[in-house]
Amino acid sequence: MIDQERIAPELQDLSEERLSVLKNMLLAQAAEERNAILDAETRETETWLREEESRLVAMIDSIMEDARKRAAEIRHRQVGAAEREREHDMLRLRNHLLAQTLEQLQQACSELRNRPDYDDILAGLGTVALATLPGKGTVLLRLAAQDAGIGPGLASRLSDPEKNVAVVFDPDPAPVSGGLWLVAEDGAWRSLSDWSVIVRECSELVARRLMAIL
């Protein structure tokens, strides 16, 4: 029969020896992992320091370049101040003359109502506008409140049966001082030929004329 009391201490010694070996292995592995982590962190720190140093140098270069540009701009402003002031005064003069000229043009358009051929002028505007009508159908004509009396006759003159274009006078006044509005009955087309629109379209031409003489 096996002596259990004699074998138990031997097993206990064997287990303690294995635990000691395992413990040492774990400690060694932990030490290796710690060293690997330290090495990785050291490399990351060195990389970060190099990147920060590079970024700092680039920042300093950018600041210096910006300072040089600002210095050059200041010198340029000092040298060209008189010329720019002259150009600024000229621009203000052009803008003033442009506004004055357009105001006079608006007034001249409004005074067309006093001419005996005012009906013909509006008929000419309407004919030019209707030339851009993409199709056929009914077109509503709106005028300024002061011109309501000539609306029906003007609509009749602008109608073109050959092209199947019927112009109908809309008594609802257009919010304009003169000229005319033409709007397709379905709203798909419109032509605004009131004095404000015409003057606005002339503004670029007037501006070019002013620039040519000033």
N, C-alpha and C. Protein backbone atom coordinates (compact mmCIF):
# COMPACT_ATOMS: atom_id res chain seq x y z
N MET A 1 0.86 -1.19 0.00
CA MET A 1 0.00 0.00 0.00
C MET A 1 0.90 1.24 0.00
N ILE A 2 0.47 2.29 -0.82
CA ILE A 2 1.26 3.54 -0.93
C ILE A 2 1.07 4.36 0.31
N ASP A 3 2.18 4.88 0.77
CA ASP A 3 2.16 5.72 1.98
C ASP A 3 1.76 7.13 1.58
N GLN A 4 0.48 7.54 1.82
CA GLN A 4 -0.04 8.85 1.44
C GLN A 4 0.65 9.96 2.19
N GLU A 5 0.98 9.70 3.47
CA GLU A 5 1.61 10.75 4.27
C GLU A 5 2.99 11.06 3.79
N ARG A 6 3.67 10.12 3.18
CA ARG A 6 5.04 10.32 2.71
C ARG A 6 5.04 11.03 1.36
N ILE A 7 4.03 10.77 0.50
CA ILE A 7 3.99 11.36 -0.84
C ILE A 7 3.51 12.80 -0.79
N ALA A 8 2.62 13.20 0.08
CA ALA A 8 2.03 14.54 0.13
C ALA A 8 3.06 15.64 0.23
N PRO A 9 4.07 15.56 1.13
CA PRO A 9 5.08 16.64 1.20
C PRO A 9 5.85 16.75 -0.10
N GLU A 10 6.13 15.63 -0.78
CA GLU A 10 6.88 15.71 -2.04
C GLU A 10 6.07 16.44 -3.11
N LEU A 11 4.76 16.17 -3.19
CA LEU A 11 3.91 16.90 -4.13
C LEU A 11 3.84 18.38 -3.81
N GLN A 12 3.79 18.68 -2.51
CA GLN A 12 3.73 20.08 -2.09
C GLN A 12 4.99 20.81 -2.51
N ASP A 13 6.17 20.14 -2.34
CA ASP A 13 7.43 20.78 -2.73
C ASP A 13 7.46 20.99 -4.23
N LEU A 14 6.96 20.02 -4.99
CA LEU A 14 6.95 20.13 -6.45
C LEU A 14 6.07 21.27 -6.90
N SER A 15 4.90 21.47 -6.29
CA SER A 15 3.98 22.53 -6.65
C SER A 15 4.59 23.89 -6.35
N GLU A 16 5.23 24.02 -5.22
CA GLU A 16 5.88 25.29 -4.87
C GLU A 16 6.99 25.62 -5.84
N GLU A 17 7.72 24.60 -6.30
CA GLU A 17 8.80 24.85 -7.26
C GLU A 17 8.22 25.34 -8.59
N ARG A 18 7.13 24.71 -9.03
CA ARG A 18 6.50 25.14 -10.27
C ARG A 18 5.95 26.56 -10.16
N LEU A 19 5.35 26.86 -9.04
CA LEU A 19 4.82 28.21 -8.84
C LEU A 19 5.92 29.24 -8.86
N SER A 20 7.06 28.89 -8.28
CA SER A 20 8.20 29.81 -8.27
C SER A 20 8.70 30.06 -9.69
N VAL A 21 8.80 28.97 -10.49
CA VAL A 21 9.25 29.12 -11.88
C VAL A 21 8.25 29.97 -12.67
N LEU A 22 6.98 29.69 -12.47
CA LEU A 22 5.94 30.45 -13.18
C LEU A 22 5.97 31.92 -12.79
N LYS A 23 6.17 32.15 -11.50
CA LYS A 23 6.24 33.53 -11.02
C LYS A 23 7.40 34.25 -11.67
N ASN A 24 8.56 33.58 -11.72
CA ASN A 24 9.73 34.22 -12.34
C ASN A 24 9.49 34.48 -13.82
N MET A 25 8.82 33.55 -14.49
CA MET A 25 8.53 33.75 -15.92
C MET A 25 7.61 34.96 -16.12
N LEU A 26 6.60 35.06 -15.26
CA LEU A 26 5.68 36.20 -15.37
C LEU A 26 6.38 37.52 -15.11
N LEU A 27 7.25 37.53 -14.11
CA LEU A 27 8.00 38.75 -13.80
C LEU A 27 8.92 39.14 -14.96
N ALA A 28 9.55 38.13 -15.56
CA ALA A 28 10.43 38.41 -16.69
C ALA A 28 9.63 38.95 -17.88
N GLN A 29 8.47 38.34 -18.13
CA GLN A 29 7.62 38.81 -19.23
C GLN A 29 7.13 40.24 -18.99
N ALA A 30 6.74 40.51 -17.75
CA ALA A 30 6.28 41.86 -17.40
C ALA A 30 7.40 42.87 -17.60
N ALA A 31 8.64 42.48 -17.22
CA ALA A 31 9.77 43.38 -17.39
C ALA A 31 10.01 43.66 -18.87
N GLU A 32 9.90 42.63 -19.71
CA GLU A 32 10.09 42.83 -21.15
C GLU A 32 9.02 43.75 -21.73
N GLU A 33 7.76 43.51 -21.32
CA GLU A 33 6.68 44.36 -21.80
C GLU A 33 6.86 45.81 -21.34
N ARG A 34 7.29 45.99 -20.09
CA ARG A 34 7.52 47.34 -19.59
C ARG A 34 8.61 48.03 -20.39
N ASN A 35 9.71 47.30 -20.66
CA ASN A 35 10.80 47.90 -21.44
C ASN A 35 10.33 48.24 -22.85
N ALA A 36 9.50 47.35 -23.43
CA ALA A 36 8.99 47.63 -24.77
C ALA A 36 8.11 48.88 -24.77
N ILE A 37 7.26 49.02 -23.74
CA ILE A 37 6.39 50.20 -23.63
C ILE A 37 7.23 51.45 -23.45
N LEU A 38 8.26 51.36 -22.60
CA LEU A 38 9.13 52.52 -22.38
C LEU A 38 9.84 52.93 -23.67
N ASP A 39 10.31 51.92 -24.42
CA ASP A 39 10.99 52.22 -25.68
C ASP A 39 10.03 52.89 -26.66
N ALA A 40 8.80 52.36 -26.73
CA ALA A 40 7.81 52.93 -27.66
C ALA A 40 7.47 54.36 -27.26
N GLU A 41 7.29 54.57 -25.95
CA GLU A 41 6.96 55.92 -25.49
C GLU A 41 8.12 56.88 -25.74
N THR A 42 9.34 56.38 -25.58
CA THR A 42 10.51 57.22 -25.83
C THR A 42 10.56 57.62 -27.30
N ARG A 43 10.29 56.66 -28.19
CA ARG A 43 10.30 56.96 -29.62
C ARG A 43 9.19 57.95 -29.97
N GLU A 44 8.00 57.75 -29.41
CA GLU A 44 6.90 58.67 -29.67
C GLU A 44 7.23 60.07 -29.17
N THR A 45 7.86 60.15 -28.00
CA THR A 45 8.23 61.46 -27.46
C THR A 45 9.23 62.16 -28.36
N GLU A 46 10.22 61.40 -28.82
CA GLU A 46 11.23 61.98 -29.70
C GLU A 46 10.60 62.45 -31.02
N THR A 47 9.68 61.63 -31.55
CA THR A 47 8.99 62.02 -32.78
C THR A 47 8.17 63.27 -32.57
N TRP A 48 7.45 63.32 -31.44
CA TRP A 48 6.63 64.51 -31.13
C TRP A 48 7.49 65.75 -31.00
N LEU A 49 8.64 65.61 -30.33
CA LEU A 49 9.54 66.75 -30.17
C LEU A 49 10.05 67.25 -31.52
N ARG A 50 10.39 66.31 -32.40
CA ARG A 50 10.86 66.72 -33.72
C ARG A 50 9.75 67.44 -34.50
N GLU A 51 8.53 66.89 -34.41
CA GLU A 51 7.41 67.52 -35.11
C GLU A 51 7.12 68.91 -34.55
N GLU A 52 7.14 69.04 -33.23
CA GLU A 52 6.90 70.34 -32.61
C GLU A 52 8.00 71.34 -32.98
N GLU A 53 9.23 70.86 -33.02
CA GLU A 53 10.33 71.74 -33.40
C GLU A 53 10.15 72.21 -34.85
N SER A 54 9.77 71.27 -35.73
CA SER A 54 9.54 71.63 -37.13
C SER A 54 8.39 72.62 -37.26
N ARG A 55 7.30 72.36 -36.51
CA ARG A 55 6.16 73.26 -36.56
C ARG A 55 6.52 74.65 -36.04
N LEU A 56 7.33 74.70 -34.99
CA LEU A 56 7.73 75.97 -34.42
C LEU A 56 8.59 76.76 -35.40
N VAL A 57 9.49 76.06 -36.07
CA VAL A 57 10.34 76.73 -37.06
C VAL A 57 9.49 77.27 -38.20
N ALA A 58 8.52 76.46 -38.66
CA ALA A 58 7.63 76.91 -39.74
C ALA A 58 6.81 78.11 -39.30
N MET A 59 6.37 78.11 -38.03
CA MET A 59 5.59 79.22 -37.51
C MET A 59 6.43 80.51 -37.49
N ILE A 60 7.67 80.36 -37.03
CA ILE A 60 8.57 81.53 -36.98
C ILE A 60 8.82 82.07 -38.38
N ASP A 61 9.05 81.14 -39.34
CA ASP A 61 9.27 81.57 -40.72
C ASP A 61 8.04 82.29 -41.27
N SER A 62 6.85 81.76 -40.94
CA SER A 62 5.62 82.39 -41.42
C SER A 62 5.45 83.78 -40.82
N ILE A 63 5.75 83.91 -39.53
CA ILE A 63 5.63 85.22 -38.88
C ILE A 63 6.61 86.22 -39.49
N MET A 64 7.82 85.77 -39.75
CA MET A 64 8.82 86.65 -40.34
C MET A 64 8.41 87.06 -41.76
N GLU A 65 7.89 86.09 -42.52
CA GLU A 65 7.46 86.40 -43.88
C GLU A 65 6.30 87.37 -43.88
N ASP A 66 5.36 87.17 -42.95
CA ASP A 66 4.23 88.08 -42.82
C ASP A 66 4.70 89.48 -42.44
N ALA A 67 5.68 89.54 -41.55
CA ALA A 67 6.22 90.85 -41.14
C ALA A 67 6.87 91.55 -42.32
N ARG A 68 7.61 90.79 -43.15
CA ARG A 68 8.24 91.40 -44.32
C ARG A 68 7.18 91.92 -45.31
N LYS A 69 6.10 91.12 -45.49
CA LYS A 69 5.05 91.55 -46.40
C LYS A 69 4.36 92.82 -45.89
N ARG A 70 4.11 92.86 -44.59
CA ARG A 70 3.46 94.03 -44.02
C ARG A 70 4.35 95.26 -44.14
N ALA A 71 5.64 95.07 -43.94
CA ALA A 71 6.57 96.19 -44.09
C ALA A 71 6.56 96.70 -45.52
N ALA A 72 6.54 95.76 -46.48
CA ALA A 72 6.50 96.16 -47.89
C ALA A 72 5.20 96.88 -48.22
N GLU A 73 4.08 96.41 -47.64
CA GLU A 73 2.80 97.06 -47.88
C GLU A 73 2.79 98.48 -47.31
N ILE A 74 3.37 98.63 -46.14
CA ILE A 74 3.43 99.96 -45.52
C ILE A 74 4.23 100.91 -46.40
N ARG A 75 5.38 100.42 -46.89
CA ARG A 75 6.19 101.27 -47.76
C ARG A 75 5.43 101.62 -49.04
N HIS A 76 4.70 100.60 -49.57
CA HIS A 76 3.92 100.83 -50.80
C HIS A 76 2.82 101.86 -50.55
N ARG A 77 2.16 101.76 -49.41
CA ARG A 77 1.11 102.73 -49.08
C ARG A 77 1.68 104.13 -48.94
N GLN A 78 2.82 104.23 -48.31
CA GLN A 78 3.43 105.54 -48.12
C GLN A 78 3.81 106.17 -49.46
N VAL A 79 4.34 105.32 -50.35
CA VAL A 79 4.77 105.84 -51.65
C VAL A 79 3.56 106.20 -52.53
N GLY A 80 2.52 105.35 -52.49
CA GLY A 80 1.39 105.56 -53.40
C GLY A 80 0.19 106.26 -52.78
N ALA A 81 0.33 106.84 -51.59
CA ALA A 81 -0.82 107.45 -50.91
C ALA A 81 -1.43 108.58 -51.74
N ALA A 82 -0.60 109.43 -52.30
CA ALA A 82 -1.10 110.57 -53.05
C ALA A 82 -1.86 110.11 -54.30
N GLU A 83 -1.31 109.10 -55.00
CA GLU A 83 -1.96 108.60 -56.21
C GLU A 83 -3.30 107.95 -55.89
N ARG A 84 -3.35 107.18 -54.82
CA ARG A 84 -4.61 106.54 -54.44
C ARG A 84 -5.64 107.58 -54.01
N GLU A 85 -5.21 108.62 -53.35
CA GLU A 85 -6.15 109.67 -52.95
C GLU A 85 -6.74 110.35 -54.18
N ARG A 86 -5.89 110.56 -55.19
CA ARG A 86 -6.38 111.16 -56.42
C ARG A 86 -7.40 110.24 -57.10
N GLU A 87 -7.09 108.93 -57.14
CA GLU A 87 -8.02 107.97 -57.75
C GLU A 87 -9.33 107.89 -56.97
N HIS A 88 -9.21 107.98 -55.64
CA HIS A 88 -10.42 107.94 -54.81
C HIS A 88 -11.31 109.15 -55.09
N ASP A 89 -10.70 110.31 -55.19
CA ASP A 89 -11.47 111.52 -55.50
C ASP A 89 -12.12 111.41 -56.87
N MET A 90 -11.38 110.84 -57.83
CA MET A 90 -11.93 110.68 -59.18
C MET A 90 -13.10 109.71 -59.17
N LEU A 91 -12.99 108.63 -58.38
CA LEU A 91 -14.08 107.66 -58.30
C LEU A 91 -15.33 108.29 -57.70
N ARG A 92 -15.14 109.08 -56.65
CA ARG A 92 -16.28 109.76 -56.04
C ARG A 92 -16.94 110.71 -57.03
N LEU A 93 -16.11 111.40 -57.82
CA LEU A 93 -16.66 112.32 -58.81
C LEU A 93 -17.45 111.55 -59.87
N ARG A 94 -16.90 110.42 -60.34
CA ARG A 94 -17.61 109.61 -61.33
C ARG A 94 -18.94 109.11 -60.78
N ASN A 95 -18.93 108.62 -59.54
CA ASN A 95 -20.17 108.11 -58.94
C ASN A 95 -21.21 109.21 -58.80
N HIS A 96 -20.74 110.40 -58.43
CA HIS A 96 -21.66 111.53 -58.28
C HIS A 96 -22.26 111.91 -59.63
N LEU A 97 -21.41 111.99 -60.66
CA LEU A 97 -21.90 112.35 -61.98
C LEU A 97 -22.80 111.26 -62.55
N LEU A 98 -22.48 109.98 -62.26
CA LEU A 98 -23.31 108.88 -62.73
C LEU A 98 -24.71 108.97 -62.12
N ALA A 99 -24.77 109.17 -60.81
CA ALA A 99 -26.06 109.27 -60.14
C ALA A 99 -26.84 110.46 -60.67
N GLN A 100 -26.15 111.57 -60.88
CA GLN A 100 -26.81 112.78 -61.38
C GLN A 100 -27.33 112.57 -62.80
N THR A 101 -26.51 111.92 -63.64
CA THR A 101 -26.92 111.68 -65.02
C THR A 101 -28.11 110.73 -65.09
N LEU A 102 -28.08 109.66 -64.31
CA LEU A 102 -29.20 108.71 -64.30
C LEU A 102 -30.47 109.36 -63.77
N GLU A 103 -30.33 110.23 -62.81
CA GLU A 103 -31.51 110.95 -62.30
C GLU A 103 -32.11 111.85 -63.38
N GLN A 104 -31.23 112.52 -64.13
CA GLN A 104 -31.71 113.37 -65.21
C GLN A 104 -32.36 112.53 -66.32
N LEU A 105 -31.78 111.34 -66.58
CA LEU A 105 -32.35 110.46 -67.59
C LEU A 105 -33.73 109.96 -67.16
N GLN A 106 -33.87 109.65 -65.88
CA GLN A 106 -35.17 109.22 -65.35
C GLN A 106 -36.20 110.35 -65.50
N GLN A 107 -35.77 111.57 -65.22
CA GLN A 107 -36.67 112.71 -65.36
C GLN A 107 -37.05 112.94 -66.81
N ALA A 108 -36.07 112.76 -67.71
CA ALA A 108 -36.34 112.94 -69.14
C ALA A 108 -37.35 111.89 -69.63
N CYS A 109 -37.22 110.66 -69.14
CA CYS A 109 -38.17 109.62 -69.52
C CYS A 109 -39.57 109.96 -69.03
N SER A 110 -39.66 110.48 -67.82
CA SER A 110 -40.97 110.82 -67.27
C SER A 110 -41.63 111.94 -68.07
N GLU A 111 -40.82 112.82 -68.61
CA GLU A 111 -41.36 113.95 -69.38
C GLU A 111 -41.81 113.54 -70.78
N LEU A 112 -41.50 112.29 -71.17
CA LEU A 112 -41.97 111.83 -72.48
C LEU A 112 -43.49 111.82 -72.56
N ARG A 113 -44.14 111.73 -71.41
CA ARG A 113 -45.60 111.71 -71.38
C ARG A 113 -46.18 113.00 -71.97
N ASN A 114 -45.40 114.08 -71.97
CA ASN A 114 -45.89 115.36 -72.49
C ASN A 114 -45.78 115.46 -74.01
N ARG A 115 -45.16 114.47 -74.63
CA ARG A 115 -44.99 114.53 -76.08
C ARG A 115 -46.23 114.00 -76.78
N PRO A 116 -46.53 114.55 -77.95
CA PRO A 116 -47.73 114.09 -78.67
C PRO A 116 -47.59 112.67 -79.21
N ASP A 117 -46.34 112.21 -79.35
CA ASP A 117 -46.13 110.85 -79.87
C ASP A 117 -45.84 109.85 -78.76
N TYR A 118 -46.30 110.14 -77.56
CA TYR A 118 -46.05 109.25 -76.42
C TYR A 118 -46.61 107.86 -76.66
N ASP A 119 -47.79 107.81 -77.31
CA ASP A 119 -48.37 106.50 -77.62
C ASP A 119 -47.43 105.69 -78.52
N ASP A 120 -46.85 106.38 -79.51
CA ASP A 120 -45.95 105.69 -80.44
C ASP A 120 -44.70 105.18 -79.72
N ILE A 121 -44.21 105.97 -78.75
CA ILE A 121 -43.02 105.56 -78.00
C ILE A 121 -43.31 104.27 -77.22
N LEU A 122 -44.45 104.24 -76.53
CA LEU A 122 -44.81 103.03 -75.79
C LEU A 122 -45.08 101.86 -76.73
N ALA A 123 -45.67 102.14 -77.88
CA ALA A 123 -45.91 101.07 -78.85
C ALA A 123 -44.59 100.50 -79.35
N GLY A 124 -43.60 101.37 -79.55
CA GLY A 124 -42.28 100.89 -79.97
C GLY A 124 -41.64 100.02 -78.91
N LEU A 125 -41.74 100.45 -77.65
CA LEU A 125 -41.20 99.64 -76.55
C LEU A 125 -41.88 98.27 -76.50
N GLY A 126 -43.20 98.28 -76.64
CA GLY A 126 -43.93 97.03 -76.57
C GLY A 126 -43.60 96.10 -77.73
N THR A 127 -43.41 96.65 -78.92
CA THR A 127 -43.08 95.82 -80.08
C THR A 127 -41.73 95.15 -79.89
N VAL A 128 -40.75 95.91 -79.39
CA VAL A 128 -39.42 95.34 -79.13
C VAL A 128 -39.52 94.24 -78.08
N ALA A 129 -40.31 94.48 -77.03
CA ALA A 129 -40.44 93.49 -75.96
C ALA A 129 -41.11 92.22 -76.46
N LEU A 130 -42.18 92.36 -77.25
CA LEU A 130 -42.92 91.20 -77.72
C LEU A 130 -42.11 90.37 -78.71
N ALA A 131 -41.06 90.95 -79.29
CA ALA A 131 -40.21 90.19 -80.20
C ALA A 131 -39.49 89.06 -79.49
N THR A 132 -39.38 89.16 -78.16
CA THR A 132 -38.72 88.10 -77.38
C THR A 132 -39.71 87.08 -76.83
N LEU A 133 -41.00 87.26 -77.12
CA LEU A 133 -42.01 86.32 -76.65
C LEU A 133 -41.76 84.96 -77.29
N PRO A 134 -41.56 83.90 -76.50
CA PRO A 134 -41.16 82.61 -77.06
C PRO A 134 -42.25 81.87 -77.81
N GLY A 135 -43.50 82.28 -77.64
CA GLY A 135 -44.57 81.53 -78.30
C GLY A 135 -45.74 82.43 -78.65
N LYS A 136 -46.92 81.95 -78.41
CA LYS A 136 -48.13 82.69 -78.71
C LYS A 136 -49.04 82.64 -77.48
N GLY A 137 -50.14 83.38 -77.58
CA GLY A 137 -51.09 83.37 -76.48
C GLY A 137 -51.48 84.77 -76.07
N THR A 138 -52.03 84.86 -74.86
CA THR A 138 -52.51 86.14 -74.36
C THR A 138 -51.47 86.77 -73.45
N VAL A 139 -51.23 88.07 -73.68
CA VAL A 139 -50.26 88.82 -72.90
C VAL A 139 -51.00 89.99 -72.25
N LEU A 140 -50.77 90.17 -70.96
CA LEU A 140 -51.41 91.27 -70.23
C LEU A 140 -50.51 92.51 -70.27
N LEU A 141 -51.12 93.65 -70.52
CA LEU A 141 -50.41 94.93 -70.57
C LEU A 141 -50.78 95.75 -69.35
N ARG A 142 -49.77 96.19 -68.60
CA ARG A 142 -50.00 97.07 -67.45
C ARG A 142 -49.22 98.35 -67.64
N LEU A 143 -49.83 99.46 -67.27
CA LEU A 143 -49.22 100.78 -67.41
C LEU A 143 -49.25 101.50 -66.08
N ALA A 144 -48.55 102.65 -66.03
CA ALA A 144 -48.64 103.50 -64.85
C ALA A 144 -50.06 104.05 -64.75
N ALA A 145 -50.45 104.44 -63.55
CA ALA A 145 -51.82 104.91 -63.35
C ALA A 145 -52.15 106.10 -64.25
N GLN A 146 -51.17 106.98 -64.50
CA GLN A 146 -51.40 108.17 -65.33
C GLN A 146 -51.66 107.82 -66.78
N ASP A 147 -51.24 106.62 -67.20
CA ASP A 147 -51.37 106.25 -68.61
C ASP A 147 -52.53 105.28 -68.86
N ALA A 148 -53.39 105.11 -67.89
CA ALA A 148 -54.48 104.13 -68.03
C ALA A 148 -55.37 104.43 -69.23
N GLY A 149 -55.51 105.71 -69.58
CA GLY A 149 -56.41 106.08 -70.67
C GLY A 149 -55.98 105.56 -72.02
N ILE A 150 -54.68 105.36 -72.22
CA ILE A 150 -54.23 104.89 -73.52
C ILE A 150 -54.04 103.37 -73.53
N GLY A 151 -54.36 102.72 -72.44
CA GLY A 151 -54.12 101.28 -72.33
C GLY A 151 -54.86 100.44 -73.36
N PRO A 152 -56.18 100.58 -73.50
CA PRO A 152 -56.91 99.74 -74.47
C PRO A 152 -56.42 99.92 -75.89
N GLY A 153 -56.20 101.19 -76.31
CA GLY A 153 -55.74 101.43 -77.67
C GLY A 153 -54.34 100.87 -77.90
N LEU A 154 -53.47 100.99 -76.91
CA LEU A 154 -52.11 100.48 -77.03
C LEU A 154 -52.12 98.95 -77.11
N ALA A 155 -52.98 98.31 -76.32
CA ALA A 155 -53.07 96.85 -76.34
C ALA A 155 -53.52 96.38 -77.72
N SER A 156 -54.46 97.13 -78.33
CA SER A 156 -54.94 96.76 -79.66
C SER A 156 -53.83 96.89 -80.69
N ARG A 157 -53.00 97.94 -80.57
CA ARG A 157 -51.90 98.14 -81.51
C ARG A 157 -50.84 97.03 -81.38
N LEU A 158 -50.63 96.55 -80.18
CA LEU A 158 -49.58 95.57 -79.95
C LEU A 158 -50.02 94.14 -80.27
N SER A 159 -51.30 93.89 -80.35
CA SER A 159 -51.79 92.55 -80.68
C SER A 159 -51.39 92.19 -82.11
N ASP A 160 -51.08 90.93 -82.32
CA ASP A 160 -50.65 90.47 -83.63
C ASP A 160 -51.40 89.17 -83.97
N PRO A 161 -52.54 89.29 -84.67
CA PRO A 161 -53.34 88.11 -84.98
C PRO A 161 -52.58 87.09 -85.82
N GLU A 162 -51.68 87.55 -86.68
CA GLU A 162 -50.93 86.62 -87.53
C GLU A 162 -50.05 85.69 -86.69
N LYS A 163 -49.56 86.18 -85.58
CA LYS A 163 -48.72 85.36 -84.69
C LYS A 163 -49.51 84.77 -83.53
N ASN A 164 -50.84 84.96 -83.57
CA ASN A 164 -51.69 84.46 -82.49
C ASN A 164 -51.29 85.04 -81.14
N VAL A 165 -50.94 86.32 -81.14
CA VAL A 165 -50.58 87.02 -79.91
C VAL A 165 -51.65 88.07 -79.64
N ALA A 166 -52.35 87.92 -78.53
CA ALA A 166 -53.39 88.86 -78.15
C ALA A 166 -52.95 89.62 -76.90
N VAL A 167 -52.86 90.93 -77.01
CA VAL A 167 -52.47 91.76 -75.88
C VAL A 167 -53.74 92.36 -75.28
N VAL A 168 -53.91 92.14 -73.99
CA VAL A 168 -55.11 92.60 -73.27
C VAL A 168 -54.67 93.58 -72.19
N PHE A 169 -55.33 94.72 -72.14
CA PHE A 169 -54.98 95.74 -71.15
C PHE A 169 -55.49 95.33 -69.78
N ASP A 170 -54.58 95.33 -68.81
CA ASP A 170 -54.92 95.05 -67.40
C ASP A 170 -55.03 96.38 -66.69
N PRO A 171 -56.22 96.78 -66.24
CA PRO A 171 -56.38 98.10 -65.62
C PRO A 171 -55.69 98.24 -64.27
N ASP A 172 -55.22 97.13 -63.71
CA ASP A 172 -54.50 97.23 -62.44
C ASP A 172 -53.18 97.98 -62.68
N PRO A 173 -52.97 99.16 -62.09
CA PRO A 173 -51.79 99.97 -62.41
C PRO A 173 -50.49 99.27 -62.02
N ALA A 174 -49.49 99.41 -62.88
CA ALA A 174 -48.15 98.93 -62.54
C ALA A 174 -47.48 99.95 -61.62
N PRO A 175 -46.71 99.49 -60.65
CA PRO A 175 -46.07 100.42 -59.69
C PRO A 175 -44.85 101.11 -60.31
N VAL A 176 -45.08 101.88 -61.37
CA VAL A 176 -44.00 102.54 -62.10
C VAL A 176 -44.42 103.96 -62.41
N SER A 177 -43.43 104.78 -62.79
CA SER A 177 -43.72 106.16 -63.16
C SER A 177 -44.03 106.30 -64.64
N GLY A 178 -43.70 105.29 -65.43
CA GLY A 178 -43.96 105.33 -66.86
C GLY A 178 -43.40 104.09 -67.52
N GLY A 179 -43.60 104.00 -68.85
CA GLY A 179 -43.20 102.79 -69.53
C GLY A 179 -44.31 101.76 -69.49
N LEU A 180 -43.95 100.49 -69.67
CA LEU A 180 -45.00 99.47 -69.68
C LEU A 180 -44.47 98.13 -69.18
N TRP A 181 -45.41 97.30 -68.74
CA TRP A 181 -45.13 95.92 -68.34
C TRP A 181 -45.94 95.00 -69.22
N LEU A 182 -45.29 93.95 -69.71
CA LEU A 182 -45.98 92.91 -70.47
C LEU A 182 -45.74 91.58 -69.78
N VAL A 183 -46.82 90.88 -69.46
CA VAL A 183 -46.72 89.62 -68.72
C VAL A 183 -47.65 88.60 -69.38
N ALA A 184 -47.10 87.42 -69.72
CA ALA A 184 -47.94 86.37 -70.29
C ALA A 184 -49.04 85.99 -69.28
N GLU A 185 -50.18 85.65 -69.80
CA GLU A 185 -51.31 85.35 -68.92
C GLU A 185 -51.01 84.20 -67.98
N ASP A 186 -50.18 83.23 -68.44
CA ASP A 186 -49.83 82.11 -67.58
C ASP A 186 -48.61 82.40 -66.71
N GLY A 187 -48.06 83.59 -66.82
CA GLY A 187 -46.91 83.98 -66.00
C GLY A 187 -45.59 83.41 -66.45
N ALA A 188 -45.55 82.68 -67.58
CA ALA A 188 -44.31 82.04 -68.01
C ALA A 188 -43.33 83.01 -68.67
N TRP A 189 -43.79 84.20 -69.03
CA TRP A 189 -42.92 85.17 -69.70
C TRP A 189 -43.30 86.57 -69.24
N ARG A 190 -42.30 87.43 -69.16
CA ARG A 190 -42.58 88.82 -68.82
C ARG A 190 -41.49 89.71 -69.36
N SER A 191 -41.87 90.95 -69.62
CA SER A 191 -40.90 91.95 -70.05
C SER A 191 -41.25 93.26 -69.36
N LEU A 192 -40.37 93.72 -68.52
CA LEU A 192 -40.59 94.97 -67.78
C LEU A 192 -39.80 96.08 -68.49
N SER A 193 -40.54 96.99 -69.09
CA SER A 193 -39.91 98.08 -69.84
C SER A 193 -40.33 99.43 -69.25
N ASP A 194 -40.35 99.51 -67.94
CA ASP A 194 -40.67 100.79 -67.31
C ASP A 194 -39.41 101.65 -67.28
N TRP A 195 -39.58 102.91 -66.93
CA TRP A 195 -38.45 103.85 -67.00
C TRP A 195 -37.32 103.45 -66.05
N SER A 196 -37.63 102.93 -64.89
CA SER A 196 -36.58 102.54 -63.94
C SER A 196 -35.71 101.43 -64.52
N VAL A 197 -36.35 100.44 -65.16
CA VAL A 197 -35.59 99.34 -65.77
C VAL A 197 -34.73 99.85 -66.92
N ILE A 198 -35.30 100.71 -67.75
CA ILE A 198 -34.56 101.23 -68.90
C ILE A 198 -33.37 102.06 -68.44
N VAL A 199 -33.57 102.90 -67.44
CA VAL A 199 -32.47 103.71 -66.92
C VAL A 199 -31.38 102.83 -66.32
N ARG A 200 -31.80 101.78 -65.60
CA ARG A 200 -30.83 100.86 -65.01
C ARG A 200 -30.02 100.16 -66.09
N GLU A 201 -30.66 99.80 -67.20
CA GLU A 201 -29.95 99.15 -68.29
C GLU A 201 -28.97 100.11 -68.96
N CYS A 202 -29.25 101.40 -68.89
CA CYS A 202 -28.36 102.41 -69.50
C CYS A 202 -27.19 102.79 -68.58
N SER A 203 -27.24 102.38 -67.31
CA SER A 203 -26.24 102.84 -66.35
C SER A 203 -24.83 102.42 -66.73
N GLU A 204 -24.68 101.19 -67.27
CA GLU A 204 -23.34 100.72 -67.64
C GLU A 204 -22.77 101.55 -68.79
N LEU A 205 -23.62 101.88 -69.77
CA LEU A 205 -23.17 102.71 -70.89
C LEU A 205 -22.76 104.10 -70.41
N VAL A 206 -23.57 104.69 -69.53
CA VAL A 206 -23.24 106.00 -68.99
C VAL A 206 -21.95 105.97 -68.21
N ALA A 207 -21.74 104.91 -67.42
CA ALA A 207 -20.51 104.78 -66.63
C ALA A 207 -19.30 104.70 -67.55
N ARG A 208 -19.41 103.94 -68.64
CA ARG A 208 -18.27 103.83 -69.58
C ARG A 208 -17.97 105.17 -70.21
N ARG A 209 -19.00 105.95 -70.56
CA ARG A 209 -18.79 107.27 -71.14
C ARG A 209 -18.07 108.19 -70.15
N LEU A 210 -18.48 108.12 -68.91
CA LEU A 210 -17.84 108.97 -67.88
C LEU A 210 -16.39 108.59 -67.69
N MET A 211 -16.09 107.30 -67.68
CA MET A 211 -14.71 106.85 -67.51
C MET A 211 -13.85 107.30 -68.69
N ALA A 212 -14.45 107.40 -69.87
CA ALA A 212 -13.68 107.79 -71.05
C ALA A 212 -13.29 109.26 -71.01
N ILE A 213 -14.10 110.06 -70.34
CA ILE A 213 -13.81 111.52 -70.34
C ILE A 213 -13.17 111.97 -69.02
N LEU A 214 -13.17 111.13 -67.99
CA LEU A 214 -12.57 111.52 -66.69
C LEU A 214 -11.38 110.63 -66.36
